[in-house]
Amino acid sequence: MPTYTYRHLSESPGCDRAPCFEWEQVARDLPLTVCPFCGVPVERELSPSMIKKRNFDCELRDKGFTKLVRVDDGIFENVTRRPGEAKYVDRRKPETLPILEKTIKD
């Protein structure tokens, strides 16, 4: 049975699966339109071929990594953000930096 990756289309602070999650479903089933955990609208992401294994952003987040994608000079999108973290990181605003205490564990 194929596994599909879905991304939340809006903030869902109460969902521990945000911003994305994987969902197994039969290929002939219609794509999900809402998150089965919190009810927020979702969209299915394109998946790479099954031959080449690639880490999705949600897998990186679940493994404790933070991935920032440059948007502008000094502005980055936190694609692995966790609840309570800002969507955009501005290097001039320390309050937008990822919360490392949530990711670093002994």
PDB file of N, CA and C in Angstrom:
ATOM      1  N   MET A   1       0.857  -1.174   0.000  1.00  0.00           N
ATOM      2  CA  MET A   1       0.000   0.000   0.000  1.00  0.00           C
ATOM      3  C   MET A   1       0.903   1.237   0.000  1.00  0.00           C
ATOM      4  N   PRO A   2       0.655   2.189  -0.913  1.00  0.00           N
ATOM      5  CA  PRO A   2       1.498   3.388  -0.983  1.00  0.00           C
ATOM      6  C   PRO A   2       1.329   4.297   0.226  1.00  0.00           C
ATOM      7  N   THR A   3       2.415   4.986   0.558  1.00  0.00           N
ATOM      8  CA  THR A   3       2.395   5.979   1.626  1.00  0.00           C
ATOM      9  C   THR A   3       2.527   7.348   0.983  1.00  0.00           C
ATOM     10  N   TYR A   4       1.609   8.251   1.316  1.00  0.00           N
ATOM     11  CA  TYR A   4       1.604   9.601   0.755  1.00  0.00           C
ATOM     12  C   TYR A   4       1.958  10.603   1.844  1.00  0.00           C
ATOM     13  N   THR A   5       2.583  11.700   1.445  1.00  0.00           N
ATOM     14  CA  THR A   5       2.908  12.779   2.371  1.00  0.00           C
ATOM     15  C   THR A   5       1.938  13.926   2.156  1.00  0.00           C
ATOM     16  N   TYR A   6       1.359  14.409   3.245  1.00  0.00           N
ATOM     17  CA  TYR A   6       0.415  15.518   3.206  1.00  0.00           C
ATOM     18  C   TYR A   6       0.970  16.688   4.003  1.00  0.00           C
ATOM     19  N   ARG A   7       0.699  17.909   3.528  1.00  0.00           N
ATOM     20  CA  ARG A   7       1.145  19.131   4.202  1.00  0.00           C
ATOM     21  C   ARG A   7      -0.070  19.950   4.608  1.00  0.00           C
ATOM     22  N   HIS A   8      -0.053  20.456   5.850  1.00  0.00           N
ATOM     23  CA  HIS A   8      -1.116  21.344   6.323  1.00  0.00           C
ATOM     24  C   HIS A   8      -1.080  22.656   5.541  1.00  0.00           C
ATOM     25  N   LEU A   9      -2.243  23.156   5.145  1.00  0.00           N
ATOM     26  CA  LEU A   9      -2.323  24.394   4.375  1.00  0.00           C
ATOM     27  C   LEU A   9      -2.390  25.628   5.261  1.00  0.00           C
ATOM     28  N   SER A  10      -2.653  25.446   6.545  1.00  0.00           N
ATOM     29  CA  SER A  10      -2.678  26.565   7.481  1.00  0.00           C
ATOM     30  C   SER A  10      -2.106  26.090   8.808  1.00  0.00           C
ATOM     31  N   GLU A  11      -1.870  27.037   9.705  1.00  0.00           N
ATOM     32  CA  GLU A  11      -1.323  26.717  11.020  1.00  0.00           C
ATOM     33  C   GLU A  11      -2.256  25.782  11.768  1.00  0.00           C
ATOM     34  N   SER A  12      -1.668  24.831  12.456  1.00  0.00           N
ATOM     35  CA  SER A  12      -2.435  23.911  13.281  1.00  0.00           C
ATOM     36  C   SER A  12      -1.649  23.646  14.558  1.00  0.00           C
ATOM     37  N   PRO A  13      -1.640  24.628  15.482  1.00  0.00           N
ATOM     38  CA  PRO A  13      -0.800  24.508  16.672  1.00  0.00           C
ATOM     39  C   PRO A  13      -1.150  23.317  17.563  1.00  0.00           C
ATOM     40  N   GLY A  14      -2.387  22.844  17.505  1.00  0.00           N
ATOM     41  CA  GLY A  14      -2.786  21.731  18.364  1.00  0.00           C
ATOM     42  C   GLY A  14      -2.465  20.369  17.786  1.00  0.00           C
ATOM     43  N   CYS A  15      -1.997  20.302  16.549  1.00  0.00           N
ATOM     44  CA  CYS A  15      -1.742  19.023  15.885  1.00  0.00           C
ATOM     45  C   CYS A  15      -0.268  18.678  15.988  1.00  0.00           C
ATOM     46  N   ASP A  16       0.038  17.533  16.586  1.00  0.00           N
ATOM     47  CA  ASP A  16       1.440  17.132  16.707  1.00  0.00           C
ATOM     48  C   ASP A  16       2.001  16.603  15.394  1.00  0.00           C
ATOM     49  N   ARG A  17       1.168  16.480  14.372  1.00  0.00           N
ATOM     50  CA  ARG A  17       1.613  16.024  13.048  1.00  0.00           C
ATOM     51  C   ARG A  17       1.930  17.176  12.104  1.00  0.00           C
ATOM     52  N   ALA A  18       1.647  18.439  12.506  1.00  0.00           N
ATOM     53  CA  ALA A  18       1.891  19.604  11.648  1.00  0.00           C
ATOM     54  C   ALA A  18       3.384  19.849  11.532  1.00  0.00           C
ATOM     55  N   PRO A  19       3.934  20.348  10.435  1.00  0.00           N
ATOM     56  CA  PRO A  19       3.235  20.805   9.246  1.00  0.00           C
ATOM     57  C   PRO A  19       2.953  19.703   8.233  1.00  0.00           C
ATOM     58  N   CYS A  20       3.535  18.494   8.394  1.00  0.00           N
ATOM     59  CA  CYS A  20       3.238  17.444   7.432  1.00  0.00           C
ATOM     60  C   CYS A  20       3.215  16.087   8.116  1.00  0.00           C
ATOM     61  N   PHE A  21       2.603  15.125   7.436  1.00  0.00           N
ATOM     62  CA  PHE A  21       2.501  13.773   7.962  1.00  0.00           C
ATOM     63  C   PHE A  21       2.398  12.794   6.807  1.00  0.00           C
ATOM     64  N   GLU A  22       2.672  11.532   7.088  1.00  0.00           N
ATOM     65  CA  GLU A  22       2.549  10.487   6.081  1.00  0.00           C
ATOM     66  C   GLU A  22       1.287   9.690   6.356  1.00  0.00           C
ATOM     67  N   TRP A  23       0.652   9.219   5.267  1.00  0.00           N
ATOM     68  CA  TRP A  23      -0.616   8.506   5.399  1.00  0.00           C
ATOM     69  C   TRP A  23      -0.646   7.384   4.368  1.00  0.00           C
ATOM     70  N   GLU A  24      -0.896   6.145   4.841  1.00  0.00           N
ATOM     71  CA  GLU A  24      -1.013   5.009   3.939  1.00  0.00           C
ATOM     72  C   GLU A  24      -2.440   4.931   3.428  1.00  0.00           C
ATOM     73  N   GLN A  25      -2.573   4.764   2.118  1.00  0.00           N
ATOM     74  CA  GLN A  25      -3.893   4.583   1.550  1.00  0.00           C
ATOM     75  C   GLN A  25      -3.773   3.873   0.212  1.00  0.00           C
ATOM     76  N   VAL A  26      -4.839   3.235  -0.179  1.00  0.00           N
ATOM     77  CA  VAL A  26      -4.874   2.529  -1.456  1.00  0.00           C
ATOM     78  C   VAL A  26      -4.766   3.564  -2.569  1.00  0.00           C
ATOM     79  N   ALA A  27      -4.050   3.237  -3.630  1.00  0.00           N
ATOM     80  CA  ALA A  27      -3.796   4.188  -4.710  1.00  0.00           C
ATOM     81  C   ALA A  27      -5.086   4.695  -5.351  1.00  0.00           C
ATOM     82  N   ARG A  28      -6.141   3.904  -5.352  1.00  0.00           N
ATOM     83  CA  ARG A  28      -7.387   4.341  -5.998  1.00  0.00           C
ATOM     84  C   ARG A  28      -8.227   5.258  -5.101  1.00  0.00           C
ATOM     85  N   ASP A  29      -7.860   5.395  -3.813  1.00  0.00           N
ATOM     86  CA  ASP A  29      -8.576   6.295  -2.908  1.00  0.00           C
ATOM     87  C   ASP A  29      -8.323   7.749  -3.294  1.00  0.00           C
ATOM     88  N   LEU A  30      -9.318   8.588  -3.060  1.00  0.00           N
ATOM     89  CA  LEU A  30      -9.155  10.022  -3.290  1.00  0.00           C
ATOM     90  C   LEU A  30      -8.191  10.601  -2.265  1.00  0.00           C
ATOM     91  N   PRO A  31      -7.421  11.625  -2.648  1.00  0.00           N
ATOM     92  CA  PRO A  31      -6.508  12.253  -1.685  1.00  0.00           C
ATOM     93  C   PRO A  31      -7.285  12.862  -0.513  1.00  0.00           C
ATOM     94  N   LEU A  32      -6.651  12.876   0.654  1.00  0.00           N
ATOM     95  CA  LEU A  32      -7.259  13.529   1.819  1.00  0.00           C
ATOM     96  C   LEU A  32      -7.381  15.023   1.547  1.00  0.00           C
ATOM     97  N   THR A  33      -8.419  15.647   2.082  1.00  0.00           N
ATOM     98  CA  THR A  33      -8.576  17.096   1.959  1.00  0.00           C
ATOM     99  C   THR A  33      -8.420  17.782   3.312  1.00  0.00           C
ATOM    100  N   VAL A  34      -8.602  17.014   4.394  1.00  0.00           N
ATOM    101  CA  VAL A  34      -8.418  17.545   5.746  1.00  0.00           C
ATOM    102  C   VAL A  34      -7.578  16.563   6.549  1.00  0.00           C
ATOM    103  N   CYS A  35      -6.861  17.080   7.527  1.00  0.00           N
ATOM    104  CA  CYS A  35      -6.026  16.265   8.404  1.00  0.00           C
ATOM    105  C   CYS A  35      -6.930  15.375   9.263  1.00  0.00           C
ATOM    106  N   PRO A  36      -6.676  14.067   9.286  1.00  0.00           N
ATOM    107  CA  PRO A  36      -7.501  13.188  10.110  1.00  0.00           C
ATOM    108  C   PRO A  36      -7.272  13.375  11.610  1.00  0.00           C
ATOM    109  N   PHE A  37      -6.230  14.119  11.986  1.00  0.00           N
ATOM    110  CA  PHE A  37      -5.908  14.316  13.387  1.00  0.00           C
ATOM    111  C   PHE A  37      -6.490  15.616  13.947  1.00  0.00           C
ATOM    112  N   CYS A  38      -6.546  16.684  13.086  1.00  0.00           N
ATOM    113  CA  CYS A  38      -6.997  17.978  13.612  1.00  0.00           C
ATOM    114  C   CYS A  38      -8.066  18.660  12.755  1.00  0.00           C
ATOM    115  N   GLY A  39      -8.316  18.158  11.537  1.00  0.00           N
ATOM    116  CA  GLY A  39      -9.361  18.724  10.695  1.00  0.00           C
ATOM    117  C   GLY A  39      -8.958  19.926   9.855  1.00  0.00           C
ATOM    118  N   VAL A  40      -7.681  20.326   9.896  1.00  0.00           N
ATOM    119  CA  VAL A  40      -7.198  21.458   9.096  1.00  0.00           C
ATOM    120  C   VAL A  40      -7.028  20.991   7.641  1.00  0.00           C
ATOM    121  N   PRO A  41      -7.331  21.841   6.647  1.00  0.00           N
ATOM    122  CA  PRO A  41      -7.148  21.449   5.244  1.00  0.00           C
ATOM    123  C   PRO A  41      -5.691  21.064   4.944  1.00  0.00           C
ATOM    124  N   VAL A  42      -5.535  20.028   4.118  1.00  0.00           N
ATOM    125  CA  VAL A  42      -4.206  19.540   3.737  1.00  0.00           C
ATOM    126  C   VAL A  42      -4.155  19.328   2.231  1.00  0.00           C
ATOM    127  N   GLU A  43      -2.927  19.240   1.715  1.00  0.00           N
ATOM    128  CA  GLU A  43      -2.736  18.876   0.314  1.00  0.00           C
ATOM    129  C   GLU A  43      -1.672  17.787   0.235  1.00  0.00           C
ATOM    130  N   ARG A  44      -1.823  16.921  -0.747  1.00  0.00           N
ATOM    131  CA  ARG A  44      -0.856  15.839  -0.922  1.00  0.00           C
ATOM    132  C   ARG A  44       0.346  16.377  -1.677  1.00  0.00           C
ATOM    133  N   GLU A  45       1.535  16.060  -1.172  1.00  0.00           N
ATOM    134  CA  GLU A  45       2.763  16.495  -1.823  1.00  0.00           C
ATOM    135  C   GLU A  45       3.193  15.454  -2.848  1.00  0.00           C
ATOM    136  N   LEU A  46       3.901  15.909  -3.859  1.00  0.00           N
ATOM    137  CA  LEU A  46       4.465  14.970  -4.818  1.00  0.00           C
ATOM    138  C   LEU A  46       5.569  14.179  -4.144  1.00  0.00           C
ATOM    139  N   SER A  47       5.568  12.895  -4.352  1.00  0.00           N
ATOM    140  CA  SER A  47       6.568  12.030  -3.737  1.00  0.00           C
ATOM    141  C   SER A  47       7.615  11.642  -4.765  1.00  0.00           C
ATOM    142  N   PRO A  48       8.853  11.473  -4.331  1.00  0.00           N
ATOM    143  CA  PRO A  48       9.875  10.999  -5.262  1.00  0.00           C
ATOM    144  C   PRO A  48       9.612   9.544  -5.613  1.00  0.00           C
ATOM    145  N   SER A  49      10.264   9.056  -6.626  1.00  0.00           N
ATOM    146  CA  SER A  49      10.061   7.661  -6.993  1.00  0.00           C
ATOM    147  C   SER A  49      10.513   6.775  -5.841  1.00  0.00           C
ATOM    148  N   MET A  50       9.986   5.585  -5.806  1.00  0.00           N
ATOM    149  CA  MET A  50      10.310   4.665  -4.717  1.00  0.00           C
ATOM    150  C   MET A  50      11.744   4.145  -4.826  1.00  0.00           C
ATOM    151  N   ILE A  51      12.397   4.379  -5.962  1.00  0.00           N
ATOM    152  CA  ILE A  51      13.770   3.904  -6.147  1.00  0.00           C
ATOM    153  C   ILE A  51      14.746   4.723  -5.318  1.00  0.00           C
ATOM    154  N   LYS A  52      14.573   6.022  -5.299  1.00  0.00           N
ATOM    155  CA  LYS A  52      15.485   6.912  -4.589  1.00  0.00           C
ATOM    156  C   LYS A  52      14.843   7.354  -3.279  1.00  0.00           C
ATOM    157  N   LYS A  53      15.488   7.048  -2.163  1.00  0.00           N
ATOM    158  CA  LYS A  53      14.984   7.431  -0.843  1.00  0.00           C
ATOM    159  C   LYS A  53      15.383   8.867  -0.560  1.00  0.00           C
ATOM    160  N   ARG A  54      14.423   9.684  -0.150  1.00  0.00           N
ATOM    161  CA  ARG A  54      14.669  11.097   0.149  1.00  0.00           C
ATOM    162  C   ARG A  54      14.019  11.428   1.486  1.00  0.00           C
ATOM    163  N   ASN A  55      14.686  12.228   2.305  1.00  0.00           N
ATOM    164  CA  ASN A  55      14.105  12.667   3.561  1.00  0.00           C
ATOM    165  C   ASN A  55      13.150  13.820   3.310  1.00  0.00           C
ATOM    166  N   PHE A  56      11.906  13.677   3.743  1.00  0.00           N
ATOM    167  CA  PHE A  56      10.946  14.764   3.676  1.00  0.00           C
ATOM    168  C   PHE A  56      11.169  15.685   4.865  1.00  0.00           C
ATOM    169  N   ASP A  57      10.652  16.897   4.758  1.00  0.00           N
ATOM    170  CA  ASP A  57      10.825  17.868   5.829  1.00  0.00           C
ATOM    171  C   ASP A  57      10.294  17.347   7.155  1.00  0.00           C
ATOM    172  N   CYS A  58       9.155  16.648   7.127  1.00  0.00           N
ATOM    173  CA  CYS A  58       8.589  16.146   8.382  1.00  0.00           C
ATOM    174  C   CYS A  58       9.477  15.058   8.987  1.00  0.00           C
ATOM    175  N   GLU A  59      10.151  14.268   8.140  1.00  0.00           N
ATOM    176  CA  GLU A  59      11.070  13.259   8.665  1.00  0.00           C
ATOM    177  C   GLU A  59      12.275  13.927   9.319  1.00  0.00           C
ATOM    178  N   LEU A  60      12.776  14.979   8.684  1.00  0.00           N
ATOM    179  CA  LEU A  60      13.902  15.712   9.270  1.00  0.00           C
ATOM    180  C   LEU A  60      13.517  16.285  10.625  1.00  0.00           C
ATOM    181  N   ARG A  61      12.319  16.904  10.697  1.00  0.00           N
ATOM    182  CA  ARG A  61      11.839  17.480  11.956  1.00  0.00           C
ATOM    183  C   ARG A  61      11.725  16.404  13.030  1.00  0.00           C
ATOM    184  N   ASP A  62      11.154  15.250  12.670  1.00  0.00           N
ATOM    185  CA  ASP A  62      10.967  14.180  13.642  1.00  0.00           C
ATOM    186  C   ASP A  62      12.286  13.600  14.139  1.00  0.00           C
ATOM    187  N   LYS A  63      13.339  13.747  13.333  1.00  0.00           N
ATOM    188  CA  LYS A  63      14.662  13.273  13.743  1.00  0.00           C
ATOM    189  C   LYS A  63      15.442  14.330  14.513  1.00  0.00           C
ATOM    190  N   GLY A  64      14.828  15.525  14.717  1.00  0.00           N
ATOM    191  CA  GLY A  64      15.458  16.558  15.524  1.00  0.00           C
ATOM    192  C   GLY A  64      16.194  17.627  14.737  1.00  0.00           C
ATOM    193  N   PHE A  65      16.100  17.593  13.412  1.00  0.00           N
ATOM    194  CA  PHE A  65      16.784  18.581  12.585  1.00  0.00           C
ATOM    195  C   PHE A  65      15.893  19.795  12.346  1.00  0.00           C
ATOM    196  N   THR A  66      16.524  20.912  12.035  1.00  0.00           N
ATOM    197  CA  THR A  66      15.821  22.127  11.632  1.00  0.00           C
ATOM    198  C   THR A  66      16.321  22.496  10.245  1.00  0.00           C
ATOM    199  N   LYS A  67      15.388  22.717   9.312  1.00  0.00           N
ATOM    200  CA  LYS A  67      15.741  23.073   7.945  1.00  0.00           C
ATOM    201  C   LYS A  67      15.210  24.467   7.646  1.00  0.00           C
ATOM    202  N   LEU A  68      16.131  25.379   7.304  1.00  0.00           N
ATOM    203  CA  LEU A  68      15.771  26.745   6.951  1.00  0.00           C
ATOM    204  C   LEU A  68      16.044  26.953   5.463  1.00  0.00           C
ATOM    205  N   VAL A  69      15.070  27.510   4.742  1.00  0.00           N
ATOM    206  CA  VAL A  69      15.205  27.777   3.312  1.00  0.00           C
ATOM    207  C   VAL A  69      15.234  29.288   3.119  1.00  0.00           C
ATOM    208  N   ARG A  70      16.263  29.783   2.444  1.00  0.00           N
ATOM    209  CA  ARG A  70      16.418  31.229   2.244  1.00  0.00           C
ATOM    210  C   ARG A  70      15.294  31.787   1.373  1.00  0.00           C
ATOM    211  N   VAL A  71      14.665  32.854   1.858  1.00  0.00           N
ATOM    212  CA  VAL A  71      13.597  33.532   1.137  1.00  0.00           C
ATOM    213  C   VAL A  71      14.087  34.879   0.622  1.00  0.00           C
ATOM    214  N   ASP A  72      14.837  35.589   1.459  1.00  0.00           N
ATOM    215  CA  ASP A  72      15.338  36.922   1.126  1.00  0.00           C
ATOM    216  C   ASP A  72      16.626  37.129   1.921  1.00  0.00           C
ATOM    217  N   ASP A  73      17.235  38.275   1.786  1.00  0.00           N
ATOM    218  CA  ASP A  73      18.463  38.566   2.513  1.00  0.00           C
ATOM    219  C   ASP A  73      18.196  38.568   4.020  1.00  0.00           C
ATOM    220  N   GLY A  74      18.710  37.561   4.709  1.00  0.00           N
ATOM    221  CA  GLY A  74      18.535  37.461   6.154  1.00  0.00           C
ATOM    222  C   GLY A  74      17.201  36.905   6.596  1.00  0.00           C
ATOM    223  N   ILE A  75      16.342  36.491   5.668  1.00  0.00           N
ATOM    224  CA  ILE A  75      15.023  35.923   5.985  1.00  0.00           C
ATOM    225  C   ILE A  75      14.998  34.486   5.481  1.00  0.00           C
ATOM    226  N   PHE A  76      14.583  33.576   6.352  1.00  0.00           N
ATOM    227  CA  PHE A  76      14.530  32.161   6.018  1.00  0.00           C
ATOM    228  C   PHE A  76      13.180  31.587   6.431  1.00  0.00           C
ATOM    229  N   GLU A  77      12.674  30.627   5.648  1.00  0.00           N
ATOM    230  CA  GLU A  77      11.461  29.919   6.029  1.00  0.00           C
ATOM    231  C   GLU A  77      11.860  28.675   6.795  1.00  0.00           C
ATOM    232  N   ASN A  78      11.270  28.481   7.963  1.00  0.00           N
ATOM    233  CA  ASN A  78      11.526  27.302   8.777  1.00  0.00           C
ATOM    234  C   ASN A  78      10.547  26.218   8.332  1.00  0.00           C
ATOM    235  N   VAL A  79      10.992  25.346   7.417  1.00  0.00           N
ATOM    236  CA  VAL A  79      10.096  24.331   6.863  1.00  0.00           C
ATOM    237  C   VAL A  79       9.905  23.144   7.805  1.00  0.00           C
ATOM    238  N   THR A  80      10.679  23.081   8.863  1.00  0.00           N
ATOM    239  CA  THR A  80      10.534  22.006   9.850  1.00  0.00           C
ATOM    240  C   THR A  80      10.044  22.562  11.189  1.00  0.00           C
ATOM    241  N   ARG A  81       9.294  23.661  11.147  1.00  0.00           N
ATOM    242  CA  ARG A  81       8.887  24.322  12.392  1.00  0.00           C
ATOM    243  C   ARG A  81       7.996  23.419  13.235  1.00  0.00           C
ATOM    244  N   ARG A  82       8.122  23.627  14.519  1.00  0.00           N
ATOM    245  CA  ARG A  82       7.324  22.913  15.510  1.00  0.00           C
ATOM    246  C   ARG A  82       6.327  23.893  16.118  1.00  0.00           C
ATOM    247  N   PRO A  83       5.320  23.401  16.829  1.00  0.00           N
ATOM    248  CA  PRO A  83       4.359  24.322  17.468  1.00  0.00           C
ATOM    249  C   PRO A  83       5.088  25.336  18.340  1.00  0.00           C
ATOM    250  N   GLY A  84       4.719  26.597  18.190  1.00  0.00           N
ATOM    251  CA  GLY A  84       5.329  27.671  18.962  1.00  0.00           C
ATOM    252  C   GLY A  84       6.482  28.359  18.254  1.00  0.00           C
ATOM    253  N   GLU A  85       6.928  27.822  17.120  1.00  0.00           N
ATOM    254  CA  GLU A  85       8.023  28.438  16.379  1.00  0.00           C
ATOM    255  C   GLU A  85       7.479  29.296  15.241  1.00  0.00           C
ATOM    256  N   ALA A  86       8.244  30.317  14.872  1.00  0.00           N
ATOM    257  CA  ALA A  86       7.849  31.222  13.799  1.00  0.00           C
ATOM    258  C   ALA A  86       8.021  30.536  12.443  1.00  0.00           C
ATOM    259  N   LYS A  87       7.136  30.870  11.494  1.00  0.00           N
ATOM    260  CA  LYS A  87       7.244  30.319  10.146  1.00  0.00           C
ATOM    261  C   LYS A  87       8.459  30.898   9.428  1.00  0.00           C
ATOM    262  N   TYR A  88       8.736  32.185   9.666  1.00  0.00           N
ATOM    263  CA  TYR A  88       9.875  32.838   9.035  1.00  0.00           C
ATOM    264  C   TYR A  88      10.878  33.269  10.100  1.00  0.00           C
ATOM    265  N   VAL A  89      12.161  33.047   9.817  1.00  0.00           N
ATOM    266  CA  VAL A  89      13.246  33.402  10.724  1.00  0.00           C
ATOM    267  C   VAL A  89      13.946  34.624  10.140  1.00  0.00           C
ATOM    268  N   ASP A  90      14.036  35.672  10.953  1.00  0.00           N
ATOM    269  CA  ASP A  90      14.747  36.892  10.564  1.00  0.00           C
ATOM    270  C   ASP A  90      15.987  36.963  11.440  1.00  0.00           C
ATOM    271  N   ARG A  91      17.161  36.991  10.820  1.00  0.00           N
ATOM    272  CA  ARG A  91      18.403  36.961  11.609  1.00  0.00           C
ATOM    273  C   ARG A  91      18.540  38.171  12.517  1.00  0.00           C
ATOM    274  N   ARG A  92      17.789  39.245  12.245  1.00  0.00           N
ATOM    275  CA  ARG A  92      17.859  40.445  13.085  1.00  0.00           C
ATOM    276  C   ARG A  92      16.880  40.383  14.254  1.00  0.00           C
ATOM    277  N   LYS A  93      16.036  39.372  14.288  1.00  0.00           N
ATOM    278  CA  LYS A  93      15.037  39.240  15.357  1.00  0.00           C
ATOM    279  C   LYS A  93      15.222  37.894  16.060  1.00  0.00           C
ATOM    280  N   PRO A  94      15.900  37.896  17.210  1.00  0.00           N
ATOM    281  CA  PRO A  94      16.178  36.637  17.898  1.00  0.00           C
ATOM    282  C   PRO A  94      14.921  35.866  18.315  1.00  0.00           C
ATOM    283  N   GLU A  95      13.790  36.556  18.489  1.00  0.00           N
ATOM    284  CA  GLU A  95      12.565  35.862  18.909  1.00  0.00           C
ATOM    285  C   GLU A  95      12.019  34.950  17.814  1.00  0.00           C
ATOM    286  N   THR A  96      12.522  35.081  16.571  1.00  0.00           N
ATOM    287  CA  THR A  96      12.052  34.221  15.489  1.00  0.00           C
ATOM    288  C   THR A  96      12.914  32.975  15.301  1.00  0.00           C
ATOM    289  N   LEU A  97      14.025  32.892  16.027  1.00  0.00           N
ATOM    290  CA  LEU A  97      14.907  31.732  15.894  1.00  0.00           C
ATOM    291  C   LEU A  97      14.220  30.467  16.395  1.00  0.00           C
ATOM    292  N   PRO A  98      14.554  29.298  15.804  1.00  0.00           N
ATOM    293  CA  PRO A  98      13.970  28.039  16.264  1.00  0.00           C
ATOM    294  C   PRO A  98      14.287  27.795  17.734  1.00  0.00           C
ATOM    295  N   ILE A  99      13.386  27.104  18.418  1.00  0.00           N
ATOM    296  CA  ILE A  99      13.556  26.795  19.839  1.00  0.00           C
ATOM    297  C   ILE A  99      14.383  25.515  19.949  1.00  0.00           C
ATOM    298  N   LEU A 100      15.678  25.681  20.205  1.00  0.00           N
ATOM    299  CA  LEU A 100      16.585  24.538  20.201  1.00  0.00           C
ATOM    300  C   LEU A 100      16.385  23.595  21.381  1.00  0.00           C
ATOM    301  N   GLU A 101      15.830  24.096  22.475  1.00  0.00           N
ATOM    302  CA  GLU A 101      15.609  23.233  23.635  1.00  0.00           C
ATOM    303  C   GLU A 101      14.659  22.089  23.298  1.00  0.00           C
ATOM    304  N   LYS A 102      13.786  22.298  22.309  1.00  0.00           N
ATOM    305  CA  LYS A 102      12.832  21.257  21.907  1.00  0.00           C
ATOM    306  C   LYS A 102      13.518  20.173  21.061  1.00  0.00           C
ATOM    307  N   THR A 103      14.631  20.515  20.414  1.00  0.00           N
ATOM    308  CA  THR A 103      15.259  19.572  19.519  1.00  0.00           C
ATOM    309  C   THR A 103      16.492  18.910  20.098  1.00  0.00           C
ATOM    310  N   ILE A 104      17.166  19.579  21.021  1.00  0.00           N
ATOM    311  CA  ILE A 104      18.389  19.015  21.605  1.00  0.00           C
ATOM    312  C   ILE A 104      18.045  18.280  22.886  1.00  0.00           C
ATOM    313  N   LYS A 105      18.350  16.996  22.885  1.00  0.00           N
ATOM    314  CA  LYS A 105      18.080  16.170  24.059  1.00  0.00           C
ATOM    315  C   LYS A 105      19.325  15.369  24.399  1.00  0.00           C
ATOM    316  N   ASP A 106      19.479  15.053  25.659  1.00  0.00           N
ATOM    317  CA  ASP A 106      20.642  14.233  26.079  1.00  0.00           C
ATOM    318  C   ASP A 106      20.438  12.793  25.710  1.00  0.00           C
TER     319      ASP A 106
END
